[in-house]
Amino acid sequence: MQTTPMTKQGSDALLEELKDLKQNQRPKVVAAIAEAREHGDLKENAEYHAAKEQQGFIEGRIQNIEFKLGSAQVIDVTSLPQTGKVLFGTTVTITNLDTDETVTYQIVGDDEADVKKNKISVNSPIARALIGKEEGDDVVVKTPGGEVDYEISKVEYI
């Protein structure tokens, strides 16, 4: 089985969601199904069908999370030697050399990526260009709009 990199924070978040699904959501939907069954004819029972649909969603999500966690290679960036190199899980501040605009990203796994939270996938063009580089290095990122030059201002292992 191929492993997928995941940050410690991403793993913790999935474990928390899994715990909630198994301990809270699943029992609630089972109770809702039991209650809907008591109302009689299941063919025209909207509550029953909605609860069964919700149960299917919950069970599917549980399987999905368990698969992701089972194939995850959890990387705790805080335990890595702080060499100043950009690695999976590091938080990188880069400066656009043309506009002087500065932005900070954390490089995370595909499932954790959220641009609104400045978490970019390790497979994104920016992350691929940054991995292996060091603080102070200039990096050329190929984007759909052309090449953009950045300087790595800061690399943090947080």
C-alpha atoms as a PDB file:
ATOM      1  CA  MET A   1       0.000   0.000   0.000  1.00  0.00           C
ATOM      2  CA  GLN A   2       1.273   3.452  -0.892  1.00  0.00           C
ATOM      3  CA  THR A   3       1.619   5.840   2.030  1.00  0.00           C
ATOM      4  CA  THR A   4       0.409   9.429   1.926  1.00  0.00           C
ATOM      5  CA  PRO A   5       2.175  12.161   3.886  1.00  0.00           C
ATOM      6  CA  MET A   6       0.081  13.885   6.547  1.00  0.00           C
ATOM      7  CA  THR A   7       0.974  16.414   9.214  1.00  0.00           C
ATOM      8  CA  LYS A   8       0.488  15.626  12.892  1.00  0.00           C
ATOM      9  CA  GLN A   9      -2.218  18.333  13.023  1.00  0.00           C
ATOM     10  CA  GLY A  10      -4.012  16.764  10.053  1.00  0.00           C
ATOM     11  CA  SER A  11      -3.876  13.325  11.663  1.00  0.00           C
ATOM     12  CA  ASP A  12      -5.149  14.710  14.977  1.00  0.00           C
ATOM     13  CA  ALA A  13      -8.049  16.467  13.226  1.00  0.00           C
ATOM     14  CA  LEU A  14      -9.071  13.259  11.419  1.00  0.00           C
ATOM     15  CA  LEU A  15      -8.848  11.249  14.652  1.00  0.00           C
ATOM     16  CA  GLU A  16     -11.069  13.815  16.383  1.00  0.00           C
ATOM     17  CA  GLU A  17     -13.624  13.676  13.553  1.00  0.00           C
ATOM     18  CA  LEU A  18     -13.555   9.858  13.621  1.00  0.00           C
ATOM     19  CA  LYS A  19     -14.143   9.848  17.372  1.00  0.00           C
ATOM     20  CA  ASP A  20     -17.111  12.231  16.975  1.00  0.00           C
ATOM     21  CA  LEU A  21     -18.610  10.158  14.161  1.00  0.00           C
ATOM     22  CA  LYS A  22     -18.341   6.899  16.116  1.00  0.00           C
ATOM     23  CA  GLN A  23     -19.278   8.170  19.582  1.00  0.00           C
ATOM     24  CA  ASN A  24     -21.842  10.876  18.766  1.00  0.00           C
ATOM     25  CA  GLN A  25     -23.114  10.895  15.192  1.00  0.00           C
ATOM     26  CA  ARG A  26     -23.521   7.149  14.675  1.00  0.00           C
ATOM     27  CA  PRO A  27     -25.562   6.568  17.889  1.00  0.00           C
ATOM     28  CA  LYS A  28     -27.790   9.576  17.098  1.00  0.00           C
ATOM     29  CA  VAL A  29     -28.643   8.314  13.617  1.00  0.00           C
ATOM     30  CA  VAL A  30     -29.276   4.767  14.908  1.00  0.00           C
ATOM     31  CA  ALA A  31     -31.713   6.229  17.462  1.00  0.00           C
ATOM     32  CA  ALA A  32     -33.387   8.323  14.743  1.00  0.00           C
ATOM     33  CA  ILE A  33     -33.833   5.226  12.561  1.00  0.00           C
ATOM     34  CA  ALA A  34     -35.328   3.275  15.470  1.00  0.00           C
ATOM     35  CA  GLU A  35     -37.720   6.127  16.230  1.00  0.00           C
ATOM     36  CA  ALA A  36     -38.750   6.458  12.587  1.00  0.00           C
ATOM     37  CA  ARG A  37     -39.421   2.698  12.391  1.00  0.00           C
ATOM     38  CA  GLU A  38     -41.898   3.042  15.235  1.00  0.00           C
ATOM     39  CA  HIS A  39     -43.981   5.394  13.102  1.00  0.00           C
ATOM     40  CA  GLY A  40     -45.071   2.539  10.880  1.00  0.00           C
ATOM     41  CA  ASP A  41     -45.069   2.329   7.069  1.00  0.00           C
ATOM     42  CA  LEU A  42     -41.468   2.788   5.956  1.00  0.00           C
ATOM     43  CA  LYS A  43     -42.274   3.381   2.266  1.00  0.00           C
ATOM     44  CA  GLU A  44     -43.685   6.849   2.895  1.00  0.00           C
ATOM     45  CA  ASN A  45     -41.682   7.684   6.014  1.00  0.00           C
ATOM     46  CA  ALA A  46     -39.477  10.683   5.148  1.00  0.00           C
ATOM     47  CA  GLU A  47     -37.737  10.705   8.548  1.00  0.00           C
ATOM     48  CA  TYR A  48     -36.723   7.058   8.099  1.00  0.00           C
ATOM     49  CA  HIS A  49     -35.305   7.644   4.613  1.00  0.00           C
ATOM     50  CA  ALA A  50     -33.460  10.796   5.728  1.00  0.00           C
ATOM     51  CA  ALA A  51     -31.967   8.955   8.711  1.00  0.00           C
ATOM     52  CA  LYS A  52     -30.890   6.004   6.529  1.00  0.00           C
ATOM     53  CA  GLU A  53     -29.279   8.412   4.072  1.00  0.00           C
ATOM     54  CA  GLN A  54     -27.467  10.157   6.944  1.00  0.00           C
ATOM     55  CA  GLN A  55     -26.348   6.747   8.261  1.00  0.00           C
ATOM     56  CA  GLY A  56     -24.884   5.900   4.852  1.00  0.00           C
ATOM     57  CA  PHE A  57     -23.012   9.194   4.793  1.00  0.00           C
ATOM     58  CA  ILE A  58     -21.615   8.659   8.322  1.00  0.00           C
ATOM     59  CA  GLU A  59     -20.515   5.080   7.609  1.00  0.00           C
ATOM     60  CA  GLY A  60     -18.893   6.176   4.335  1.00  0.00           C
ATOM     61  CA  ARG A  61     -17.050   9.000   6.067  1.00  0.00           C
ATOM     62  CA  ILE A  62     -15.848   6.629   8.817  1.00  0.00           C
ATOM     63  CA  GLN A  63     -14.465   4.231   6.178  1.00  0.00           C
ATOM     64  CA  ASN A  64     -12.857   7.128   4.303  1.00  0.00           C
ATOM     65  CA  ILE A  65     -11.114   8.482   7.426  1.00  0.00           C
ATOM     66  CA  GLU A  66      -9.977   5.020   8.533  1.00  0.00           C
ATOM     67  CA  PHE A  67      -8.493   4.425   5.061  1.00  0.00           C
ATOM     68  CA  LYS A  68      -6.707   7.792   5.069  1.00  0.00           C
ATOM     69  CA  LEU A  69      -5.300   7.205   8.537  1.00  0.00           C
ATOM     70  CA  GLY A  70      -4.294   3.654   7.624  1.00  0.00           C
ATOM     71  CA  SER A  71      -2.303   4.811   4.603  1.00  0.00           C
ATOM     72  CA  ALA A  72      -0.927   7.959   6.232  1.00  0.00           C
ATOM     73  CA  GLN A  73       2.696   8.581   7.005  1.00  0.00           C
ATOM     74  CA  VAL A  74       2.310  11.085   9.847  1.00  0.00           C
ATOM     75  CA  ILE A  75       5.112  13.612   9.934  1.00  0.00           C
ATOM     76  CA  ASP A  76       5.608  15.760  13.025  1.00  0.00           C
ATOM     77  CA  VAL A  77       7.643  18.649  11.663  1.00  0.00           C
ATOM     78  CA  THR A  78       8.488  19.891  15.179  1.00  0.00           C
ATOM     79  CA  SER A  79      10.559  16.735  15.756  1.00  0.00           C
ATOM     80  CA  LEU A  80      12.677  17.198  12.619  1.00  0.00           C
ATOM     81  CA  PRO A  81      16.133  18.805  12.741  1.00  0.00           C
ATOM     82  CA  GLN A  82      15.726  22.513  11.993  1.00  0.00           C
ATOM     83  CA  THR A  83      18.081  22.858   9.054  1.00  0.00           C
ATOM     84  CA  GLY A  84      16.350  25.803   7.370  1.00  0.00           C
ATOM     85  CA  LYS A  85      15.360  23.542   4.471  1.00  0.00           C
ATOM     86  CA  VAL A  86      11.820  23.521   3.153  1.00  0.00           C
ATOM     87  CA  LEU A  87      10.311  20.117   3.926  1.00  0.00           C
ATOM     88  CA  PHE A  88       6.845  18.602   4.119  1.00  0.00           C
ATOM     89  CA  GLY A  89       5.038  20.225   7.047  1.00  0.00           C
ATOM     90  CA  THR A  90       7.205  23.325   7.285  1.00  0.00           C
ATOM     91  CA  THR A  91       5.743  26.813   7.257  1.00  0.00           C
ATOM     92  CA  VAL A  92       7.402  28.953   4.598  1.00  0.00           C
ATOM     93  CA  THR A  93       7.284  32.709   4.124  1.00  0.00           C
ATOM     94  CA  ILE A  94       8.035  33.749   0.552  1.00  0.00           C
ATOM     95  CA  THR A  95       8.353  37.160  -1.051  1.00  0.00           C
ATOM     96  CA  ASN A  96       7.357  37.843  -4.652  1.00  0.00           C
ATOM     97  CA  LEU A  97      10.453  39.507  -6.147  1.00  0.00           C
ATOM     98  CA  ASP A  98       8.386  41.544  -8.638  1.00  0.00           C
ATOM     99  CA  THR A  99       5.728  42.914  -6.254  1.00  0.00           C
ATOM    100  CA  ASP A 100       7.428  42.591  -2.816  1.00  0.00           C
ATOM    101  CA  GLU A 101       4.228  40.855  -1.691  1.00  0.00           C
ATOM    102  CA  THR A 102       4.881  38.413   1.161  1.00  0.00           C
ATOM    103  CA  VAL A 103       2.818  35.303   1.876  1.00  0.00           C
ATOM    104  CA  THR A 104       3.191  32.437   4.345  1.00  0.00           C
ATOM    105  CA  TYR A 105       2.179  28.849   3.546  1.00  0.00           C
ATOM    106  CA  GLN A 106       2.323  25.565   5.384  1.00  0.00           C
ATOM    107  CA  ILE A 107       3.088  22.614   3.103  1.00  0.00           C
ATOM    108  CA  VAL A 108       0.635  19.819   3.908  1.00  0.00           C
ATOM    109  CA  GLY A 109      -0.911  16.662   2.433  1.00  0.00           C
ATOM    110  CA  ASP A 110      -3.535  16.784  -0.310  1.00  0.00           C
ATOM    111  CA  ASP A 111      -6.433  16.174   2.096  1.00  0.00           C
ATOM    112  CA  GLU A 112      -5.297  18.937   4.460  1.00  0.00           C
ATOM    113  CA  ALA A 113      -4.795  21.641   1.831  1.00  0.00           C
ATOM    114  CA  ASP A 114      -6.899  24.751   2.393  1.00  0.00           C
ATOM    115  CA  VAL A 115      -5.768  27.902   0.601  1.00  0.00           C
ATOM    116  CA  LYS A 116      -7.999  30.069   2.832  1.00  0.00           C
ATOM    117  CA  LYS A 117      -5.916  28.869   5.803  1.00  0.00           C
ATOM    118  CA  ASN A 118      -2.667  29.197   3.794  1.00  0.00           C
ATOM    119  CA  LYS A 119      -2.155  25.428   3.746  1.00  0.00           C
ATOM    120  CA  ILE A 120      -0.994  24.249   0.345  1.00  0.00           C
ATOM    121  CA  SER A 121      -0.685  20.725  -0.989  1.00  0.00           C
ATOM    122  CA  VAL A 122       2.767  19.205  -1.216  1.00  0.00           C
ATOM    123  CA  ASN A 123       1.806  18.464  -4.838  1.00  0.00           C
ATOM    124  CA  SER A 124       0.989  22.084  -5.736  1.00  0.00           C
ATOM    125  CA  PRO A 125       3.333  23.923  -8.119  1.00  0.00           C
ATOM    126  CA  ILE A 126       4.467  26.321  -5.380  1.00  0.00           C
ATOM    127  CA  ALA A 127       5.235  23.550  -2.880  1.00  0.00           C
ATOM    128  CA  ARG A 128       7.035  21.452  -5.492  1.00  0.00           C
ATOM    129  CA  ALA A 129       9.236  24.437  -6.328  1.00  0.00           C
ATOM    130  CA  LEU A 130       9.971  25.138  -2.636  1.00  0.00           C
ATOM    131  CA  ILE A 131      10.721  21.614  -1.344  1.00  0.00           C
ATOM    132  CA  GLY A 132      14.422  21.110  -0.731  1.00  0.00           C
ATOM    133  CA  LYS A 133      15.286  24.800  -0.976  1.00  0.00           C
ATOM    134  CA  GLU A 134      16.579  26.886   1.951  1.00  0.00           C
ATOM    135  CA  GLU A 135      16.005  30.247   3.575  1.00  0.00           C
ATOM    136  CA  GLY A 136      17.411  32.964   1.321  1.00  0.00           C
ATOM    137  CA  ASP A 137      17.094  30.909  -1.888  1.00  0.00           C
ATOM    138  CA  ASP A 138      15.378  32.316  -4.960  1.00  0.00           C
ATOM    139  CA  VAL A 139      12.721  30.072  -6.452  1.00  0.00           C
ATOM    140  CA  VAL A 140      10.957  30.170  -9.818  1.00  0.00           C
ATOM    141  CA  VAL A 141       7.360  28.930  -9.685  1.00  0.00           C
ATOM    142  CA  LYS A 142       5.658  27.984 -12.933  1.00  0.00           C
ATOM    143  CA  THR A 143       2.037  29.155 -12.771  1.00  0.00           C
ATOM    144  CA  PRO A 144      -0.706  29.217 -15.409  1.00  0.00           C
ATOM    145  CA  GLY A 145       0.015  32.953 -15.792  1.00  0.00           C
ATOM    146  CA  GLY A 146       3.722  32.417 -16.349  1.00  0.00           C
ATOM    147  CA  GLU A 147       6.791  32.151 -14.156  1.00  0.00           C
ATOM    148  CA  VAL A 148       6.927  33.987 -10.822  1.00  0.00           C
ATOM    149  CA  ASP A 149      10.139  34.624  -8.900  1.00  0.00           C
ATOM    150  CA  TYR A 150      10.095  34.296  -5.113  1.00  0.00           C
ATOM    151  CA  GLU A 151      12.658  34.512  -2.362  1.00  0.00           C
ATOM    152  CA  ILE A 152      12.311  32.247   0.663  1.00  0.00           C
ATOM    153  CA  SER A 153      12.283  34.701   3.575  1.00  0.00           C
ATOM    154  CA  LYS A 154      11.684  32.294   6.425  1.00  0.00           C
ATOM    155  CA  VAL A 155      11.311  28.543   7.084  1.00  0.00           C
ATOM    156  CA  GLU A 156       9.635  27.468  10.336  1.00  0.00           C
ATOM    157  CA  TYR A 157       9.277  24.013  11.867  1.00  0.00           C
ATOM    158  CA  ILE A 158       6.096  24.690  13.864  1.00  0.00           C
END
